[in-house]
PDB file of N, CA and C in Angstrom:
ATOM      1  N   MET A   1       3.133 -59.275  74.959  1.00  0.00           N
ATOM      2  CA  MET A   1       4.285 -59.150  75.810  1.00  0.00           C
ATOM      3  C   MET A   1       3.837 -58.459  77.085  1.00  0.00           C
ATOM      4  N   VAL A   2       4.200 -59.015  78.218  1.00  0.00           N
ATOM      5  CA  VAL A   2       3.838 -58.461  79.513  1.00  0.00           C
ATOM      6  C   VAL A   2       5.088 -57.862  80.134  1.00  0.00           C
ATOM      7  N   PRO A   3       5.095 -56.558  80.433  1.00  0.00           N
ATOM      8  CA  PRO A   3       6.289 -55.967  81.018  1.00  0.00           C
ATOM      9  C   PRO A   3       6.566 -56.499  82.412  1.00  0.00           C
ATOM     10  N   VAL A   4       7.818 -56.636  82.728  1.00  0.00           N
ATOM     11  CA  VAL A   4       8.244 -57.101  84.040  1.00  0.00           C
ATOM     12  C   VAL A   4       8.998 -55.961  84.691  1.00  0.00           C
ATOM     13  N   ILE A   5       8.554 -55.566  85.852  1.00  0.00           N
ATOM     14  CA  ILE A   5       9.161 -54.428  86.532  1.00  0.00           C
ATOM     15  C   ILE A   5      10.179 -54.923  87.557  1.00  0.00           C
ATOM     16  N   ALA A   6      11.386 -54.394  87.467  1.00  0.00           N
ATOM     17  CA  ALA A   6      12.495 -54.703  88.374  1.00  0.00           C
ATOM     18  C   ALA A   6      12.686 -56.208  88.492  1.00  0.00           C
ATOM     19  N   THR A   7      12.413 -56.794  89.647  1.00  0.00           N
ATOM     20  CA  THR A   7      12.729 -58.205  89.844  1.00  0.00           C
ATOM     21  C   THR A   7      11.491 -59.086  89.828  1.00  0.00           C
ATOM     22  N   ASP A   8      10.371 -58.588  89.351  1.00  0.00           N
ATOM     23  CA  ASP A   8       9.124 -59.351  89.367  1.00  0.00           C
ATOM     24  C   ASP A   8       8.916 -60.048  88.037  1.00  0.00           C
ATOM     25  N   VAL A   9       9.386 -61.290  87.924  1.00  0.00           N
ATOM     26  CA  VAL A   9       9.303 -62.026  86.676  1.00  0.00           C
ATOM     27  C   VAL A   9       8.092 -62.944  86.658  1.00  0.00           C
ATOM     28  N   LYS A  10       7.352 -63.031  87.735  1.00  0.00           N
ATOM     29  CA  LYS A  10       6.236 -63.963  87.785  1.00  0.00           C
ATOM     30  C   LYS A  10       5.163 -63.644  86.752  1.00  0.00           C
ATOM     31  N   TYR A  11       5.114 -62.417  86.264  1.00  0.00           N
ATOM     32  CA  TYR A  11       4.123 -62.046  85.268  1.00  0.00           C
ATOM     33  C   TYR A  11       4.633 -62.223  83.838  1.00  0.00           C
ATOM     34  N   CYS A  12       5.825 -62.728  83.695  1.00  0.00           N
ATOM     35  CA  CYS A  12       6.413 -62.901  82.371  1.00  0.00           C
ATOM     36  C   CYS A  12       5.876 -64.186  81.755  1.00  0.00           C
ATOM     37  N   ASN A  13       4.692 -64.126  81.182  1.00  0.00           N
ATOM     38  CA  ASN A  13       4.069 -65.324  80.645  1.00  0.00           C
ATOM     39  C   ASN A  13       3.914 -65.270  79.141  1.00  0.00           C
ATOM     40  N   ALA A  14       4.591 -64.371  78.471  1.00  0.00           N
ATOM     41  CA  ALA A  14       4.445 -64.230  77.032  1.00  0.00           C
ATOM     42  C   ALA A  14       5.700 -64.730  76.332  1.00  0.00           C
ATOM     43  N   LEU A  15       5.502 -65.615  75.388  1.00  0.00           N
ATOM     44  CA  LEU A  15       6.596 -66.064  74.537  1.00  0.00           C
ATOM     45  C   LEU A  15       6.403 -65.410  73.184  1.00  0.00           C
ATOM     46  N   ARG A  16       7.486 -64.961  72.598  1.00  0.00           N
ATOM     47  CA  ARG A  16       7.411 -64.250  71.327  1.00  0.00           C
ATOM     48  C   ARG A  16       8.436 -64.808  70.347  1.00  0.00           C
ATOM     49  N   THR A  17       8.161 -64.638  69.057  1.00  0.00           N
ATOM     50  CA  THR A  17       9.176 -64.883  68.045  1.00  0.00           C
ATOM     51  C   THR A  17       9.966 -63.594  67.916  1.00  0.00           C
ATOM     52  N   PHE A  18      11.265 -63.702  68.055  1.00  0.00           N
ATOM     53  CA  PHE A  18      12.132 -62.524  68.066  1.00  0.00           C
ATOM     54  C   PHE A  18      13.337 -62.824  67.189  1.00  0.00           C
ATOM     55  N   GLY A  19      13.470 -62.126  66.083  1.00  0.00           N
ATOM     56  CA  GLY A  19      14.632 -62.317  65.218  1.00  0.00           C
ATOM     57  C   GLY A  19      14.742 -63.721  64.668  1.00  0.00           C
ATOM     58  N   GLY A  20      13.617 -64.384  64.419  1.00  0.00           N
ATOM     59  CA  GLY A  20      13.638 -65.726  63.847  1.00  0.00           C
ATOM     60  C   GLY A  20      13.700 -66.846  64.873  1.00  0.00           C
ATOM     61  N   TYR A  21      13.598 -66.539  66.142  1.00  0.00           N
ATOM     62  CA  TYR A  21      13.599 -67.584  67.171  1.00  0.00           C
ATOM     63  C   TYR A  21      12.589 -67.217  68.262  1.00  0.00           C
ATOM     64  N   ASN A  22      12.176 -68.217  69.037  1.00  0.00           N
ATOM     65  CA  ASN A  22      11.275 -67.962  70.165  1.00  0.00           C
ATOM     66  C   ASN A  22      12.085 -67.431  71.339  1.00  0.00           C
ATOM     67  N   ALA A  23      11.481 -66.507  72.064  1.00  0.00           N
ATOM     68  CA  ALA A  23      12.189 -65.895  73.191  1.00  0.00           C
ATOM     69  C   ALA A  23      11.203 -65.520  74.284  1.00  0.00           C
ATOM     70  N   VAL A  24      11.715 -65.501  75.497  1.00  0.00           N
ATOM     71  CA  VAL A  24      10.998 -64.915  76.627  1.00  0.00           C
ATOM     72  C   VAL A  24      11.609 -63.530  76.810  1.00  0.00           C
ATOM     73  N   ILE A  25      10.751 -62.539  76.922  1.00  0.00           N
ATOM     74  CA  ILE A  25      11.219 -61.159  77.037  1.00  0.00           C
ATOM     75  C   ILE A  25      10.741 -60.568  78.355  1.00  0.00           C
ATOM     76  N   ALA A  26      11.672 -59.991  79.086  1.00  0.00           N
ATOM     77  CA  ALA A  26      11.348 -59.330  80.349  1.00  0.00           C
ATOM     78  C   ALA A  26      11.925 -57.921  80.308  1.00  0.00           C
ATOM     79  N   TYR A  27      11.405 -57.061  81.153  1.00  0.00           N
ATOM     80  CA  TYR A  27      11.897 -55.692  81.262  1.00  0.00           C
ATOM     81  C   TYR A  27      12.411 -55.447  82.679  1.00  0.00           C
ATOM     82  N   HIS A  28      13.585 -54.857  82.743  1.00  0.00           N
ATOM     83  CA  HIS A  28      14.157 -54.443  84.026  1.00  0.00           C
ATOM     84  C   HIS A  28      14.059 -52.923  84.086  1.00  0.00           C
ATOM     85  N   VAL A  29      13.467 -52.396  85.147  1.00  0.00           N
ATOM     86  CA  VAL A  29      13.364 -50.953  85.333  1.00  0.00           C
ATOM     87  C   VAL A  29      14.224 -50.578  86.530  1.00  0.00           C
ATOM     88  N   GLY A  30      15.147 -49.666  86.302  1.00  0.00           N
ATOM     89  CA  GLY A  30      15.999 -49.203  87.395  1.00  0.00           C
ATOM     90  C   GLY A  30      17.469 -49.356  87.077  1.00  0.00           C
ATOM     91  N   SER A  31      18.256 -49.183  88.110  1.00  0.00           N
ATOM     92  CA  SER A  31      19.707 -49.213  88.012  1.00  0.00           C
ATOM     93  C   SER A  31      20.214 -50.558  87.501  1.00  0.00           C
ATOM     94  N   TYR A  32      21.364 -50.505  86.839  1.00  0.00           N
ATOM     95  CA  TYR A  32      21.997 -51.739  86.358  1.00  0.00           C
ATOM     96  C   TYR A  32      22.634 -52.524  87.500  1.00  0.00           C
ATOM     97  N   GLU A  33      22.768 -51.915  88.667  1.00  0.00           N
ATOM     98  CA  GLU A  33      23.417 -52.581  89.803  1.00  0.00           C
ATOM     99  C   GLU A  33      22.729 -53.884  90.191  1.00  0.00           C
ATOM    100  N   ASN A  34      21.405 -53.960  90.017  1.00  0.00           N
ATOM    101  CA  ASN A  34      20.684 -55.162  90.427  1.00  0.00           C
ATOM    102  C   ASN A  34      20.048 -55.901  89.249  1.00  0.00           C
ATOM    103  N   ILE A  35      20.548 -55.667  88.035  1.00  0.00           N
ATOM    104  CA  ILE A  35      19.968 -56.322  86.863  1.00  0.00           C
ATOM    105  C   ILE A  35      20.215 -57.830  86.887  1.00  0.00           C
ATOM    106  N   SER A  36      21.282 -58.262  87.556  1.00  0.00           N
ATOM    107  CA  SER A  36      21.555 -59.711  87.632  1.00  0.00           C
ATOM    108  C   SER A  36      20.422 -60.442  88.357  1.00  0.00           C
ATOM    109  N   ALA A  37      19.785 -59.799  89.323  1.00  0.00           N
ATOM    110  CA  ALA A  37      18.654 -60.416  90.025  1.00  0.00           C
ATOM    111  C   ALA A  37      17.491 -60.651  89.066  1.00  0.00           C
ATOM    112  N   THR A  38      17.267 -59.718  88.147  1.00  0.00           N
ATOM    113  CA  THR A  38      16.211 -59.891  87.147  1.00  0.00           C
ATOM    114  C   THR A  38      16.559 -61.038  86.214  1.00  0.00           C
ATOM    115  N   HIS A  39      17.818 -61.136  85.818  1.00  0.00           N
ATOM    116  CA  HIS A  39      18.257 -62.258  84.979  1.00  0.00           C
ATOM    117  C   HIS A  39      18.014 -63.587  85.689  1.00  0.00           C
ATOM    118  N   LEU A  40      18.385 -63.659  86.951  1.00  0.00           N
ATOM    119  CA  LEU A  40      18.205 -64.911  87.698  1.00  0.00           C
ATOM    120  C   LEU A  40      16.734 -65.285  87.828  1.00  0.00           C
ATOM    121  N   ARG A  41      15.888 -64.315  88.075  1.00  0.00           N
ATOM    122  CA  ARG A  41      14.444 -64.597  88.172  1.00  0.00           C
ATOM    123  C   ARG A  41      13.874 -65.017  86.821  1.00  0.00           C
ATOM    124  N   LEU A  42      14.367 -64.428  85.749  1.00  0.00           N
ATOM    125  CA  LEU A  42      13.939 -64.830  84.412  1.00  0.00           C
ATOM    126  C   LEU A  42      14.358 -66.274  84.135  1.00  0.00           C
ATOM    127  N   LEU A  43      15.576 -66.629  84.487  1.00  0.00           N
ATOM    128  CA  LEU A  43      16.038 -68.011  84.304  1.00  0.00           C
ATOM    129  C   LEU A  43      15.207 -68.988  85.126  1.00  0.00           C
ATOM    130  N   LYS A  44      14.833 -68.596  86.331  1.00  0.00           N
ATOM    131  CA  LYS A  44      13.983 -69.439  87.162  1.00  0.00           C
ATOM    132  C   LYS A  44      12.614 -69.608  86.514  1.00  0.00           C
ATOM    133  N   TRP A  45      12.054 -68.525  85.960  1.00  0.00           N
ATOM    134  CA  TRP A  45      10.755 -68.603  85.295  1.00  0.00           C
ATOM    135  C   TRP A  45      10.831 -69.561  84.105  1.00  0.00           C
ATOM    136  N   ILE A  46      11.917 -69.488  83.346  1.00  0.00           N
ATOM    137  CA  ILE A  46      12.100 -70.379  82.195  1.00  0.00           C
ATOM    138  C   ILE A  46      12.129 -71.829  82.665  1.00  0.00           C
ATOM    139  N   ALA A  47      12.903 -72.128  83.693  1.00  0.00           N
ATOM    140  CA  ALA A  47      12.986 -73.495  84.220  1.00  0.00           C
ATOM    141  C   ALA A  47      11.653 -73.953  84.797  1.00  0.00           C
ATOM    142  N   ASP A  48      10.975 -73.088  85.539  1.00  0.00           N
ATOM    143  CA  ASP A  48       9.688 -73.442  86.146  1.00  0.00           C
ATOM    144  C   ASP A  48       8.614 -73.749  85.101  1.00  0.00           C
ATOM    145  N   ASN A  49       8.793 -73.239  83.896  1.00  0.00           N
ATOM    146  CA  ASN A  49       7.830 -73.462  82.823  1.00  0.00           C
ATOM    147  C   ASN A  49       8.319 -74.494  81.807  1.00  0.00           C
ATOM    148  N   ASN A  50       9.276 -75.320  82.246  1.00  0.00           N
ATOM    149  CA  ASN A  50       9.807 -76.429  81.440  1.00  0.00           C
ATOM    150  C   ASN A  50      10.330 -75.991  80.080  1.00  0.00           C
ATOM    151  N   LEU A  51      10.974 -74.857  80.051  1.00  0.00           N
ATOM    152  CA  LEU A  51      11.605 -74.357  78.839  1.00  0.00           C
ATOM    153  C   LEU A  51      13.112 -74.450  78.999  1.00  0.00           C
ATOM    154  N   LYS A  52      13.835 -74.333  77.902  1.00  0.00           N
ATOM    155  CA  LYS A  52      15.299 -74.394  77.925  1.00  0.00           C
ATOM    156  C   LYS A  52      15.849 -73.215  77.142  1.00  0.00           C
ATOM    157  N   LEU A  53      16.963 -72.671  77.636  1.00  0.00           N
ATOM    158  CA  LEU A  53      17.647 -71.624  76.884  1.00  0.00           C
ATOM    159  C   LEU A  53      18.170 -72.208  75.576  1.00  0.00           C
ATOM    160  N   ALA A  54      18.106 -71.422  74.521  1.00  0.00           N
ATOM    161  CA  ALA A  54      18.570 -71.874  73.215  1.00  0.00           C
ATOM    162  C   ALA A  54      19.696 -70.983  72.694  1.00  0.00           C
ATOM    163  N   GLY A  55      20.367 -70.297  73.573  1.00  0.00           N
ATOM    164  CA  GLY A  55      21.441 -69.398  73.175  1.00  0.00           C
ATOM    165  C   GLY A  55      21.726 -68.392  74.267  1.00  0.00           C
ATOM    166  N   HIS A  56      22.453 -67.374  73.894  1.00  0.00           N
ATOM    167  CA  HIS A  56      22.856 -66.350  74.854  1.00  0.00           C
ATOM    168  C   HIS A  56      21.740 -65.335  75.083  1.00  0.00           C
ATOM    169  N   ILE A  57      21.600 -64.907  76.328  1.00  0.00           N
ATOM    170  CA  ILE A  57      20.659 -63.846  76.673  1.00  0.00           C
ATOM    171  C   ILE A  57      21.259 -62.517  76.223  1.00  0.00           C
ATOM    172  N   SER A  58      20.406 -61.650  75.673  1.00  0.00           N
ATOM    173  CA  SER A  58      20.878 -60.334  75.261  1.00  0.00           C
ATOM    174  C   SER A  58      20.037 -59.250  75.925  1.00  0.00           C
ATOM    175  N   GLU A  59      20.565 -58.051  75.903  1.00  0.00           N
ATOM    176  CA  GLU A  59      19.874 -56.903  76.492  1.00  0.00           C
ATOM    177  C   GLU A  59      19.767 -55.801  75.456  1.00  0.00           C
ATOM    178  N   GLU A  60      18.635 -55.125  75.477  1.00  0.00           N
ATOM    179  CA  GLU A  60      18.430 -53.951  74.641  1.00  0.00           C
ATOM    180  C   GLU A  60      18.093 -52.798  75.580  1.00  0.00           C
ATOM    181  N   TYR A  61      18.848 -51.734  75.488  1.00  0.00           N
ATOM    182  CA  TYR A  61      18.664 -50.608  76.394  1.00  0.00           C
ATOM    183  C   TYR A  61      17.616 -49.654  75.809  1.00  0.00           C
ATOM    184  N   ILE A  62      16.422 -49.680  76.386  1.00  0.00           N
ATOM    185  CA  ILE A  62      15.318 -48.861  75.904  1.00  0.00           C
ATOM    186  C   ILE A  62      15.507 -47.414  76.366  1.00  0.00           C
ATOM    187  N   ILE A  63      15.746 -47.225  77.650  1.00  0.00           N
ATOM    188  CA  ILE A  63      16.104 -45.911  78.215  1.00  0.00           C
ATOM    189  C   ILE A  63      17.382 -46.125  79.011  1.00  0.00           C
ATOM    190  N   SER A  64      18.442 -45.440  78.632  1.00  0.00           N
ATOM    191  CA  SER A  64      19.769 -45.681  79.190  1.00  0.00           C
ATOM    192  C   SER A  64      20.401 -44.387  79.698  1.00  0.00           C
ATOM    193  N   PRO A  65      21.655 -44.465  80.186  1.00  0.00           N
ATOM    194  CA  PRO A  65      22.337 -43.256  80.651  1.00  0.00           C
ATOM    195  C   PRO A  65      22.478 -42.189  79.559  1.00  0.00           C
ATOM    196  N   ILE A  66      22.420 -42.595  78.313  1.00  0.00           N
ATOM    197  CA  ILE A  66      22.483 -41.626  77.221  1.00  0.00           C
ATOM    198  C   ILE A  66      21.215 -40.764  77.215  1.00  0.00           C
ATOM    199  N   ASP A  67      20.086 -41.378  77.625  1.00  0.00           N
ATOM    200  CA  ASP A  67      18.803 -40.692  77.596  1.00  0.00           C
ATOM    201  C   ASP A  67      18.495 -39.912  78.875  1.00  0.00           C
ATOM    202  N   LEU A  68      18.844 -40.466  80.027  1.00  0.00           N
ATOM    203  CA  LEU A  68      18.500 -39.877  81.323  1.00  0.00           C
ATOM    204  C   LEU A  68      19.650 -39.996  82.304  1.00  0.00           C
ATOM    205  N   GLN A  69      19.717 -39.108  83.252  1.00  0.00           N
ATOM    206  CA  GLN A  69      20.727 -39.201  84.295  1.00  0.00           C
ATOM    207  C   GLN A  69      20.260 -40.052  85.463  1.00  0.00           C
ATOM    208  N   SER A  70      18.959 -40.133  85.697  1.00  0.00           N
ATOM    209  CA  SER A  70      18.433 -40.881  86.835  1.00  0.00           C
ATOM    210  C   SER A  70      18.418 -42.380  86.532  1.00  0.00           C
ATOM    211  N   SER A  71      19.239 -43.138  87.234  1.00  0.00           N
ATOM    212  CA  SER A  71      19.325 -44.582  86.981  1.00  0.00           C
ATOM    213  C   SER A  71      18.039 -45.315  87.359  1.00  0.00           C
ATOM    214  N   GLN A  72      17.214 -44.719  88.192  1.00  0.00           N
ATOM    215  CA  GLN A  72      15.956 -45.361  88.583  1.00  0.00           C
ATOM    216  C   GLN A  72      14.955 -45.416  87.429  1.00  0.00           C
ATOM    217  N   SER A  73      15.197 -44.664  86.377  1.00  0.00           N
ATOM    218  CA  SER A  73      14.288 -44.625  85.231  1.00  0.00           C
ATOM    219  C   SER A  73      14.790 -45.412  84.028  1.00  0.00           C
ATOM    220  N   TYR A  74      15.954 -46.060  84.147  1.00  0.00           N
ATOM    221  CA  TYR A  74      16.459 -46.862  83.033  1.00  0.00           C
ATOM    222  C   TYR A  74      15.513 -48.031  82.777  1.00  0.00           C
ATOM    223  N   ILE A  75      15.345 -48.396  81.510  1.00  0.00           N
ATOM    224  CA  ILE A  75      14.541 -49.565  81.135  1.00  0.00           C
ATOM    225  C   ILE A  75      15.390 -50.428  80.217  1.00  0.00           C
ATOM    226  N   THR A  76      15.546 -51.684  80.582  1.00  0.00           N
ATOM    227  CA  THR A  76      16.320 -52.636  79.814  1.00  0.00           C
ATOM    228  C   THR A  76      15.453 -53.818  79.425  1.00  0.00           C
ATOM    229  N   LYS A  77      15.424 -54.138  78.152  1.00  0.00           N
ATOM    230  CA  LYS A  77      14.707 -55.291  77.632  1.00  0.00           C
ATOM    231  C   LYS A  77      15.664 -56.477  77.662  1.00  0.00           C
ATOM    232  N   ILE A  78      15.277 -57.549  78.325  1.00  0.00           N
ATOM    233  CA  ILE A  78      16.094 -58.749  78.433  1.00  0.00           C
ATOM    234  C   ILE A  78      15.466 -59.820  77.555  1.00  0.00           C
ATOM    235  N   ILE A  79      16.242 -60.349  76.617  1.00  0.00           N
ATOM    236  CA  ILE A  79      15.744 -61.295  75.616  1.00  0.00           C
ATOM    237  C   ILE A  79      16.445 -62.629  75.820  1.00  0.00           C
ATOM    238  N   ALA A  80      15.643 -63.665  76.159  1.00  0.00           N
ATOM    239  CA  ALA A  80      16.195 -64.995  76.389  1.00  0.00           C
ATOM    240  C   ALA A  80      15.648 -65.953  75.345  1.00  0.00           C
ATOM    241  N   PRO A  81      16.478 -66.383  74.380  1.00  0.00           N
ATOM    242  CA  PRO A  81      16.010 -67.338  73.376  1.00  0.00           C
ATOM    243  C   PRO A  81      15.731 -68.682  74.031  1.00  0.00           C
ATOM    244  N   ILE A  82      14.615 -69.298  73.659  1.00  0.00           N
ATOM    245  CA  ILE A  82      14.216 -70.564  74.290  1.00  0.00           C
ATOM    246  C   ILE A  82      13.795 -71.575  73.224  1.00  0.00           C
ATOM    247  N   HIS A  83      13.751 -72.845  73.649  1.00  0.00           N
ATOM    248  CA  HIS A  83      13.130 -73.909  72.852  1.00  0.00           C
ATOM    249  C   HIS A  83      12.430 -74.867  73.775  1.00  0.00           C
TER     250      HIS A  83
END
């Protein structure tokens, strides 16, 4: 798995089996205000690599407001099931 920082999805070249399905996993670092840009870049990476979404994208909050007050240090794992 290759971590993706903020909006840089070009390095997201690892496909993993996650919960019984294949998924592309990216990491968003920073505020939730611009997380949609990371989602859009991830979707573009999936399309550019001739993959298709196989369900709903989910997020796992690795470091969240519960852990830290500084939003610049939040880390969110974005999981996109693919086929």
